[in-house]
Protein backbone atom coordinates (compact mmCIF):
# COMPACT_ATOMS: atom_id res chain seq x y z
CA UNK A 1 136.69 94.84 164.88
CA UNK A 2 135.46 92.61 167.64
CA UNK A 3 138.77 93.68 169.19
CA UNK A 4 137.65 97.35 169.39
CA UNK A 5 133.96 96.55 170.73
CA UNK A 6 135.48 95.01 173.69
CA UNK A 7 137.99 97.54 174.22
CA UNK A 8 135.65 100.55 174.45
CA UNK A 9 133.52 98.41 176.70
CA UNK A 10 135.65 97.88 178.51
CA UNK A 11 136.87 101.77 179.45
CA UNK A 12 133.00 101.94 179.68
CA UNK A 13 132.58 99.53 182.09
CA UNK A 14 135.86 101.36 183.98
CA UNK A 15 134.94 104.83 183.55
CA UNK A 16 131.57 104.08 185.45
CA UNK A 17 128.57 105.73 182.92
CA UNK A 18 131.16 107.31 180.67
CA UNK A 19 128.68 107.55 177.98
CA UNK A 20 126.12 109.50 179.34
CA UNK A 21 129.05 111.98 180.80
CA UNK A 22 130.54 111.86 177.15
CA UNK A 23 127.05 112.86 175.61
CA UNK A 24 126.49 115.64 178.00
CA UNK A 25 129.91 116.92 177.73
CA UNK A 26 129.65 117.30 174.42
CA UNK A 27 126.25 119.12 174.18
CA UNK A 28 127.57 121.32 177.52
CA UNK A 29 129.41 122.94 174.57
CA UNK A 30 127.18 125.92 172.49
CA UNK A 31 127.90 124.98 168.62
CA UNK A 32 128.46 127.19 166.30
CA UNK A 33 125.60 127.94 164.12
CA UNK A 34 124.69 126.25 161.01
CA UNK A 35 125.31 129.96 159.05
CA UNK A 36 129.23 130.42 160.60
CA UNK A 37 129.60 126.73 159.86
CA UNK A 38 128.78 126.82 156.20
CA UNK A 39 130.89 130.34 156.01
CA UNK A 40 134.10 128.59 157.45
CA UNK A 41 133.66 125.90 155.55
CA UNK A 42 133.17 128.47 152.02
CA UNK A 43 136.81 130.42 153.73
CA UNK A 44 138.59 127.10 153.93
CA UNK A 45 137.71 126.15 150.47
CA UNK A 46 139.30 129.56 149.49
CA UNK A 47 142.16 128.71 151.11
CA UNK A 48 142.40 125.12 149.87
CA UNK A 49 141.68 126.67 146.17
CA UNK A 50 144.92 128.75 147.15
CA UNK A 51 146.85 125.85 147.63
CA UNK A 52 145.82 123.88 144.89
CA UNK A 53 146.02 127.13 142.83
CA UNK A 54 149.90 127.77 143.63
CA UNK A 55 150.40 123.80 142.61
CA UNK A 56 148.42 123.58 139.89
CA UNK A 57 150.27 126.11 137.40
CA UNK A 58 153.44 124.39 138.00
CA UNK A 59 151.28 121.58 135.63
CA UNK A 60 151.18 123.81 132.70
CA UNK A 61 154.90 125.26 133.32
CA UNK A 62 156.63 121.80 133.22
CA UNK A 63 157.94 121.97 129.93
CA UNK A 64 159.03 125.73 130.00
CA UNK A 65 160.56 124.77 133.61
CA UNK A 66 162.78 121.85 131.95
CA UNK A 67 163.38 124.27 128.90
CA UNK A 68 165.56 127.24 130.52
CA UNK A 69 166.78 125.13 133.96
CA UNK A 70 167.70 122.25 131.31
CA UNK A 71 166.15 119.32 133.92
CA UNK A 72 165.32 115.92 132.61
CA UNK A 73 161.98 114.18 133.17
CA UNK A 74 163.64 112.91 136.06
CA UNK A 75 164.76 115.84 137.95
CA UNK A 76 161.53 117.84 137.40
CA UNK A 77 159.68 114.35 138.86
CA UNK A 78 161.67 115.08 141.98
CA UNK A 79 160.86 118.82 141.98
CA UNK A 80 157.10 118.45 141.46
CA UNK A 81 156.85 115.22 144.36
CA UNK A 82 159.71 115.06 146.29
CA UNK A 83 160.85 118.15 147.77
CA UNK A 84 157.14 118.99 148.93
CA UNK A 85 157.27 115.16 150.79
CA UNK A 86 160.80 115.80 152.34
CA UNK A 87 159.21 118.48 154.77
CA UNK A 88 156.33 116.33 156.02
CA UNK A 89 159.00 114.05 156.90
CA UNK A 90 161.01 116.07 158.55
CA UNK A 91 158.75 118.52 160.32
CA UNK A 92 155.19 118.25 159.29
CA UNK A 93 153.37 115.10 161.79
CA UNK A 94 155.23 116.48 164.89
CA UNK A 95 153.71 120.27 163.40
CA UNK A 96 150.47 119.12 162.98
CA UNK A 97 150.32 118.35 167.27
CA UNK A 98 149.79 122.14 166.92
CA UNK A 99 146.37 121.83 165.93
CA UNK A 100 145.64 119.55 168.44
CA UNK A 101 146.15 121.88 170.96
CA UNK A 102 146.68 125.67 169.89
CA UNK A 103 144.41 128.91 167.63
CA UNK A 104 143.63 126.77 164.32
CA UNK A 105 142.52 129.99 162.44
CA UNK A 106 146.22 131.85 163.05
CA UNK A 107 147.77 128.57 162.44
CA UNK A 108 146.27 128.65 158.94
CA UNK A 109 146.87 131.92 158.48
CA UNK A 110 150.41 132.05 158.86
CA UNK A 111 150.69 128.60 156.82
CA UNK A 112 149.06 130.48 153.82
CA UNK A 113 151.50 133.23 154.45
CA UNK A 114 154.50 130.47 154.09
CA UNK A 115 153.13 128.71 151.13
CA UNK A 116 152.30 131.69 148.82
CA UNK A 117 155.95 133.31 149.72
CA UNK A 118 157.49 130.23 148.64
CA UNK A 119 155.35 130.26 145.52
CA UNK A 120 156.54 133.48 144.38
CA UNK A 121 160.23 132.68 145.24
CA UNK A 122 159.83 129.94 142.59
CA UNK A 123 160.01 132.71 140.10
CA UNK A 124 163.58 133.87 141.22
CA UNK A 125 164.93 129.68 140.70
CA UNK A 126 167.50 129.92 138.10
CA UNK A 127 168.41 126.29 138.79
CA UNK A 128 167.63 122.51 139.92
CA UNK A 129 168.28 123.34 143.75
CA UNK A 130 167.06 126.84 143.92
CA UNK A 131 163.91 125.31 142.35
CA UNK A 132 164.13 122.51 144.82
CA UNK A 133 164.63 124.88 148.04
CA UNK A 134 161.15 127.33 146.93
CA UNK A 135 159.47 123.84 146.60
CA UNK A 136 160.32 122.80 149.63
CA UNK A 137 159.46 126.10 151.02
CA UNK A 138 155.63 125.37 149.84
CA UNK A 139 155.72 122.03 151.64
CA UNK A 140 156.34 123.82 154.41
CA UNK A 141 153.72 126.50 154.30
CA UNK A 142 151.07 123.13 153.26
CA UNK A 143 151.99 120.78 155.59
CA UNK A 144 149.31 121.78 158.44
CA UNK A 145 147.12 122.67 156.00
CA UNK A 146 144.71 119.78 155.68
CA UNK A 147 145.09 118.94 159.97
CA UNK A 148 143.89 122.18 160.35
CA UNK A 149 141.08 122.84 158.15
CA UNK A 150 139.57 118.99 158.64
CA UNK A 151 140.35 119.52 162.63
CA UNK A 152 138.16 122.74 162.15
CA UNK A 153 135.13 121.65 159.75
CA UNK A 154 134.26 118.05 162.45
CA UNK A 155 133.95 121.08 165.35
CA UNK A 156 131.84 123.36 163.14
CA UNK A 157 129.66 120.61 161.98
CA UNK A 158 127.99 117.83 163.74
CA UNK A 159 128.91 114.48 162.17
CA UNK A 160 125.57 113.85 160.17
CA UNK A 161 126.29 117.08 158.21
CA UNK A 162 129.97 117.11 158.10
CA UNK A 163 129.71 115.30 154.36
CA UNK A 164 128.32 118.84 153.57
CA UNK A 165 130.87 120.79 154.96
CA UNK A 166 133.89 118.59 153.28
CA UNK A 167 132.07 118.87 150.44
CA UNK A 168 131.83 122.36 150.26
CA UNK A 169 135.63 122.37 151.40
CA UNK A 170 136.84 120.04 148.46
CA UNK A 171 135.36 122.79 146.19
CA UNK A 172 138.63 124.53 146.96
CA UNK A 173 140.30 121.17 145.56
CA UNK A 174 138.83 120.95 142.13
CA UNK A 175 137.82 124.82 141.92
CA UNK A 176 141.73 125.61 142.78
CA UNK A 177 142.68 123.11 140.03
CA UNK A 178 140.62 124.52 137.78
CA UNK A 179 141.23 127.91 137.99
CA UNK A 180 145.29 127.28 138.43
CA UNK A 181 144.39 125.96 134.60
CA UNK A 182 142.29 128.70 133.40
CA UNK A 183 144.97 131.19 135.27
CA UNK A 184 148.00 129.48 134.31
CA UNK A 185 146.38 129.40 130.23
CA UNK A 186 145.79 133.11 130.66
CA UNK A 187 148.70 133.87 131.81
CA UNK A 188 150.91 132.19 129.53
CA UNK A 189 148.86 133.80 126.63
CA UNK A 190 149.43 137.41 128.13
CA UNK A 191 153.21 136.78 128.24
CA UNK A 192 153.41 134.15 125.72
CA UNK A 193 154.78 137.47 123.03
CA UNK A 194 157.52 138.89 125.23
CA UNK A 195 159.35 135.50 126.88
CA UNK A 196 161.83 137.63 128.86
CA UNK A 197 160.69 141.02 130.55
CA UNK A 198 162.37 143.39 132.56
CA UNK A 199 160.57 143.94 136.33
CA UNK A 200 161.73 146.93 138.45
CA UNK A 201 163.59 145.46 141.11
CA UNK A 202 163.19 142.02 140.38
CA UNK A 203 165.36 142.58 136.84
CA UNK A 204 164.53 140.24 133.59
CA UNK A 205 162.40 137.61 134.68
CA UNK A 206 160.95 135.07 131.94
CA UNK A 207 157.21 134.62 131.51
CA UNK A 208 156.54 131.67 133.71
CA UNK A 209 158.77 133.11 136.34
CA UNK A 210 156.21 135.62 136.30
CA UNK A 211 153.42 132.90 136.75
CA UNK A 212 154.94 132.05 139.72
CA UNK A 213 155.15 135.79 141.37
CA UNK A 214 151.72 136.71 140.50
CA UNK A 215 149.99 133.71 141.77
CA UNK A 216 151.76 133.78 145.23
CA UNK A 217 150.50 137.28 145.86
CA UNK A 218 147.17 135.76 145.67
CA UNK A 219 147.54 134.60 149.10
CA UNK A 220 147.80 137.66 150.22
CA UNK A 221 143.98 138.24 150.36
CA UNK A 222 143.41 134.85 151.08
CA UNK A 223 145.28 135.55 154.48
CA UNK A 224 143.09 138.11 155.47
CA UNK A 225 140.15 136.10 154.74
CA UNK A 226 141.07 132.95 156.99
CA UNK A 227 141.17 136.17 159.72
CA UNK A 228 137.46 136.39 159.47
CA UNK A 229 136.66 133.40 160.74
CA UNK A 230 136.37 132.00 164.13
CA UNK A 231 137.94 129.59 166.33
CA UNK A 232 134.96 126.96 167.22
CA UNK A 233 134.92 125.08 170.76
CA UNK A 234 136.68 121.95 170.08
CA UNK A 235 133.77 119.22 170.66
CA UNK A 236 133.42 115.54 172.14
CA UNK A 237 136.72 116.48 174.29
CA UNK A 238 136.33 113.14 176.03
CA UNK A 239 135.76 110.79 173.28
CA UNK A 240 139.60 109.72 173.79
CA UNK A 241 138.23 108.11 177.01
CA UNK A 242 135.63 105.86 175.35
CA UNK A 243 138.67 105.26 172.56
CA UNK A 244 140.83 103.63 175.11
CA UNK A 245 143.32 106.04 176.14
CA UNK A 246 144.25 109.60 177.29
CA UNK A 247 145.02 111.13 173.72
CA UNK A 248 145.45 114.67 175.28
CA UNK A 249 148.41 113.68 176.39
CA UNK A 250 149.22 111.52 174.04
CA UNK A 251 152.92 111.37 172.52
CA UNK A 252 153.44 110.92 168.47
CA UNK A 253 154.36 107.57 169.22
CA UNK A 254 151.55 106.81 171.41
CA UNK A 255 148.70 108.38 168.43
CA UNK A 256 150.94 105.78 165.55
CA UNK A 257 150.61 102.58 168.46
CA UNK A 258 146.60 103.90 168.62
CA UNK A 259 146.45 103.84 164.73
CA UNK A 260 148.47 100.30 164.63
CA UNK A 261 146.15 98.42 167.57
CA UNK A 262 143.41 99.71 164.84
CA UNK A 263 144.90 98.96 161.54
CA UNK A 264 141.50 97.13 160.49
CA UNK A 265 139.88 100.66 160.50
CA UNK A 266 142.51 102.53 159.44
CA UNK A 267 144.31 100.41 156.93
CA UNK A 268 142.04 100.52 154.07
CA UNK A 269 141.57 104.15 154.66
CA UNK A 270 145.29 104.96 154.94
CA UNK A 271 146.11 102.48 151.31
CA UNK A 272 143.86 103.38 149.21
CA UNK A 273 143.82 107.22 149.30
CA UNK A 274 147.94 106.32 148.35
CA UNK A 275 147.24 104.26 145.32
CA UNK A 276 144.69 106.63 143.69
CA UNK A 277 147.46 109.36 145.09
CA UNK A 278 150.36 107.95 143.58
CA UNK A 279 148.28 108.07 139.79
CA UNK A 280 146.22 111.36 140.53
CA UNK A 281 149.41 112.97 141.70
CA UNK A 282 151.64 112.15 139.25
CA UNK A 283 148.98 112.27 136.16
CA UNK A 284 148.11 115.98 137.92
CA UNK A 285 152.05 117.01 137.08
CA UNK A 286 152.22 115.58 133.76
CA UNK A 287 149.26 115.46 131.95
CA UNK A 288 149.81 119.15 130.14
CA UNK A 289 153.18 117.31 129.15
CA UNK A 290 150.96 114.31 128.20
CA UNK A 291 147.89 116.05 125.79
CA UNK A 292 151.45 118.44 124.51
CA UNK A 293 153.04 115.10 123.75
CA UNK A 294 150.59 112.73 122.31
CA UNK A 295 147.88 115.19 120.27
CA UNK A 296 150.45 118.34 119.57
CA UNK A 297 148.19 120.42 122.37
CA UNK A 298 149.89 123.81 123.51
CA UNK A 299 149.46 124.05 127.53
CA UNK A 300 147.31 127.07 127.38
CA UNK A 301 144.79 125.08 125.14
CA UNK A 302 144.57 122.04 127.79
CA UNK A 303 144.43 124.26 130.38
CA UNK A 304 141.55 126.38 129.10
CA UNK A 305 139.55 123.49 127.89
CA UNK A 306 140.10 121.30 131.01
CA UNK A 307 139.77 123.86 133.30
CA UNK A 308 136.41 124.96 132.07
CA UNK A 309 135.35 121.09 131.91
CA UNK A 310 136.34 120.69 135.75
CA UNK A 311 134.08 123.66 136.66
CA UNK A 312 131.34 122.34 134.75
CA UNK A 313 131.46 118.85 136.95
CA UNK A 314 132.45 120.12 140.29
CA UNK A 315 129.21 121.32 141.56
CA UNK A 316 127.44 118.50 140.27
CA UNK A 317 129.65 116.08 141.84
CA UNK A 318 129.84 118.12 145.14
CA UNK A 319 126.05 117.81 145.09
CA UNK A 320 126.05 114.15 144.22
CA UNK A 321 128.41 113.61 147.17
CA UNK A 322 126.08 114.60 149.87
CA UNK A 323 122.75 113.42 147.96
CA UNK A 324 124.93 110.28 147.91
CA UNK A 325 125.88 110.13 151.57
CA UNK A 326 122.79 111.43 152.73
CA UNK A 327 120.23 109.07 151.17
CA UNK A 328 122.87 105.98 152.70
CA UNK A 329 122.69 107.54 156.29
CA UNK A 330 119.06 107.88 155.92
CA UNK A 331 118.51 104.47 155.20
CA UNK A 332 120.39 103.32 158.18
CA UNK A 333 123.59 102.32 156.81
CA UNK A 334 126.08 102.34 159.51
CA UNK A 335 129.02 101.98 156.76
CA UNK A 336 127.94 105.07 154.94
CA UNK A 337 131.31 106.63 154.64
CA UNK A 338 133.17 103.71 153.81
CA UNK A 339 130.60 102.06 150.97
CA UNK A 340 130.12 105.53 149.14
CA UNK A 341 133.97 105.79 149.29
CA UNK A 342 134.18 102.59 147.42
CA UNK A 343 131.50 103.10 144.80
CA UNK A 344 133.05 106.09 143.51
CA UNK A 345 136.69 104.61 143.18
CA UNK A 346 134.89 101.42 141.85
CA UNK A 347 133.13 104.20 139.47
CA UNK A 348 136.03 106.23 138.07
CA UNK A 349 138.38 102.71 137.80
CA UNK A 350 137.39 102.39 133.70
CA UNK A 351 137.49 105.77 132.77
CA UNK A 352 140.74 106.84 134.26
CA UNK A 353 142.19 103.62 132.90
CA UNK A 354 141.13 104.18 129.50
CA UNK A 355 141.69 107.82 129.62
CA UNK A 356 145.34 107.58 128.24
CA UNK A 357 144.31 105.65 125.19
CA UNK A 358 141.48 107.65 123.71
CA UNK A 359 142.21 108.37 120.13
CA UNK A 360 141.58 111.76 120.17
CA UNK A 361 142.73 115.16 122.20
CA UNK A 362 138.59 115.45 123.20
CA UNK A 363 137.47 112.02 124.41
CA UNK A 364 141.14 111.66 126.39
CA UNK A 365 140.00 115.67 128.53
CA UNK A 366 136.29 114.10 129.00
CA UNK A 367 137.44 110.52 129.93
CA UNK A 368 140.06 112.65 132.63
CA UNK A 369 137.54 114.77 133.72
CA UNK A 370 134.65 112.00 134.20
CA UNK A 371 136.88 109.77 136.44
CA UNK A 372 137.91 112.42 138.75
CA UNK A 373 134.23 113.39 139.13
CA UNK A 374 133.31 110.28 140.21
CA UNK A 375 136.07 110.49 142.75
CA UNK A 376 134.84 113.55 144.03
CA UNK A 377 131.85 112.35 144.84
CA UNK A 378 133.28 110.07 146.96
CA UNK A 379 136.08 112.00 149.01
CA UNK A 380 133.97 113.85 150.85
CA UNK A 381 132.68 110.50 152.51
CA UNK A 382 136.43 109.49 152.99
CA UNK A 383 137.36 112.49 155.09
CA UNK A 384 134.46 112.43 157.02
CA UNK A 385 134.95 108.62 158.07
CA UNK A 386 138.27 110.02 159.27
CA UNK A 387 137.08 112.51 161.57
CA UNK A 388 133.98 111.00 163.17
CA UNK A 389 136.47 107.81 164.10
CA UNK A 390 139.32 109.69 165.19
CA UNK A 391 139.33 111.28 168.88
CA UNK A 392 139.38 115.03 168.88
CA UNK A 393 142.45 115.30 170.95
CA UNK A 394 144.76 113.32 167.84
CA UNK A 395 142.65 114.83 164.89
CA UNK A 396 145.28 116.84 164.06
CA UNK A 397 148.12 114.15 164.09
CA UNK A 398 145.91 111.39 162.94
CA UNK A 399 144.93 113.92 159.40
CA UNK A 400 148.75 114.58 159.32
CA UNK A 401 150.05 111.41 158.60
CA UNK A 402 147.25 110.48 156.69
CA UNK A 403 147.86 113.37 154.70
CA UNK A 404 151.78 112.50 154.65
CA UNK A 405 151.31 108.88 153.70
CA UNK A 406 148.85 109.93 150.60
CA UNK A 407 151.74 112.76 150.05
CA UNK A 408 154.37 110.27 150.16
CA UNK A 409 152.91 107.61 148.15
CA UNK A 410 151.31 110.25 145.62
CA UNK A 411 153.48 112.95 146.02
CA UNK A 412 157.07 111.72 145.35
CA UNK A 413 156.09 108.24 143.91
CA UNK A 414 153.47 110.00 141.30
CA UNK A 415 155.38 111.90 139.12
CA UNK A 416 158.77 109.92 139.77
CA UNK A 417 157.06 106.59 138.67
CA UNK A 418 155.88 108.35 135.49
CA UNK A 419 159.02 110.39 134.54
CA UNK A 420 160.81 106.54 135.72
CA UNK A 421 158.83 104.07 133.07
CA UNK A 422 158.70 106.79 130.29
CA UNK A 423 162.56 107.75 130.60
CA UNK A 424 163.58 104.21 131.19
CA UNK A 425 161.35 101.75 130.90
CA UNK A 426 159.69 102.83 127.06
CA UNK A 427 162.44 105.08 126.65
CA UNK A 428 160.95 107.59 124.75
CA UNK A 429 158.81 110.99 126.07
CA UNK A 430 156.27 110.17 123.35
CA UNK A 431 155.45 107.48 124.98
CA UNK A 432 153.94 108.64 128.56
CA UNK A 433 150.76 107.41 127.59
CA UNK A 434 151.53 104.42 128.42
CA UNK A 435 153.06 105.00 131.45
CA UNK A 436 149.94 106.82 132.59
CA UNK A 437 148.01 103.45 131.56
CA UNK A 438 150.30 101.17 133.47
CA UNK A 439 150.04 103.77 136.67
CA UNK A 440 146.46 103.92 136.41
CA UNK A 441 145.73 99.65 136.10
CA UNK A 442 148.13 98.75 138.69
CA UNK A 443 146.64 101.22 141.57
CA UNK A 444 142.42 101.73 140.92
CA UNK A 445 141.26 98.76 141.02
CA UNK A 446 143.66 97.67 143.64
CA UNK A 447 142.18 100.81 145.64
CA UNK A 448 138.64 99.81 144.80
CA UNK A 449 138.78 96.43 146.37
CA UNK A 450 141.04 97.93 149.27
CA UNK A 451 137.98 100.22 150.24
CA UNK A 452 135.20 97.20 149.88
CA UNK A 453 137.28 95.59 152.42
CA UNK A 454 137.26 98.19 154.47
CA UNK A 455 133.50 98.46 154.74
CA UNK A 456 132.93 95.94 157.46
CA UNK A 457 135.60 97.26 160.02
CA UNK A 458 134.45 100.85 159.64
CA UNK A 459 130.89 99.99 160.18
CA UNK A 460 131.70 97.94 163.49
CA UNK A 461 133.69 101.19 164.75
CA UNK A 462 130.57 102.95 164.14
CA UNK A 463 127.75 100.48 166.15
CA UNK A 464 130.50 100.33 169.24
CA UNK A 465 130.40 104.20 168.97
CA UNK A 466 127.02 104.41 169.15
CA UNK A 467 126.55 101.33 171.40
CA UNK A 468 128.81 104.23 173.94
CA UNK A 469 126.62 106.67 173.61
CA UNK A 470 128.19 109.08 170.62
CA UNK A 471 125.71 110.60 167.86
CA UNK A 472 127.14 109.03 164.60
């Protein structure tokens, strides 16, 4: 990253002592109290939990939706992945500029209303295209959720405490995943005896349609909760000057040019996450079907056990994320965030590869929980790394591009890849486990290697920022 250091040094020289000015500017705006920061992180976690919950219940309903709408595995793969990606491709990234310019709290509240309404509409779908349109709506609402949340967290927490805030936020991801399984299992069992119901004003709905309607309504109280947080001042507003461009006036093309110019720094983050996302999003959408086809477990059985196990492991994993990151930080490692991420993915790889080949459902369940737990230890570090090295004024768009690449790879390729391998390569729905194995072998070792290769570039960027007066 010698080019980054030279670029920054040149800009600092032209600015005539910009480092001191930047430090003074950052301190001139009062930071939110630590209590406000933790409260906001908790609220954002609940919002993320809502998003994950709305998506997660679909995992348990794959076979029921296929049956009632008469879909193939490939069609189901398009609904699970591609439908949500379309919105990101068309509008999501440009819309993320809103996160860099306008009140993020109100934008987030509006996005929750959109994706919750679209989730409820899934309950009225009667064919492939109606369901596709509803999934498109969910993508519309969720497309700006990540950029808004990470941008808010980066302004609520100082850099050395940001992993804590992101770890709390990640509770929403894990908690939403677990609760979607538990709530989905409960609702499936609740409606199992009455698969077709008459609902006033709605007409006849099946059990899986009621699950979507109920989970969509959960977004209403979450929207009110988001409205209770405050909008923090945007800090480090002149960090863009140190990075060599006036990001406040930068167009999307200029942001893309900035990322391309710093590809050694951002490339490993984007590529590594994309690879693991292919497997995890594919697995997330097909795992209930895997347990049903391989071990004969009902979706409600899998949902109950998997949800409970995820909740049990989430707390220790997130505490481990904070402990490991702060341990390396105290030891003076400038590359702490990327190093911890590489370690977590390396530890998760053998569990993710072995999980689909376990001889019993219990071992498969445990391996499928331990692998993601190691990934959860690492996840706050990667998101922290991205927020720290990105100029404040372009964080929203960079995060949107980052999430789009993750979703484009994981959300569209993952579910469809599993369906393609099962239907066209192995030729038997019962052989879904081999599709999962193939994906894990291809993605996890490669991702771990990519992250390790990115450690040096990240370390050089952090050292260059410190030399320019940044407290990172």
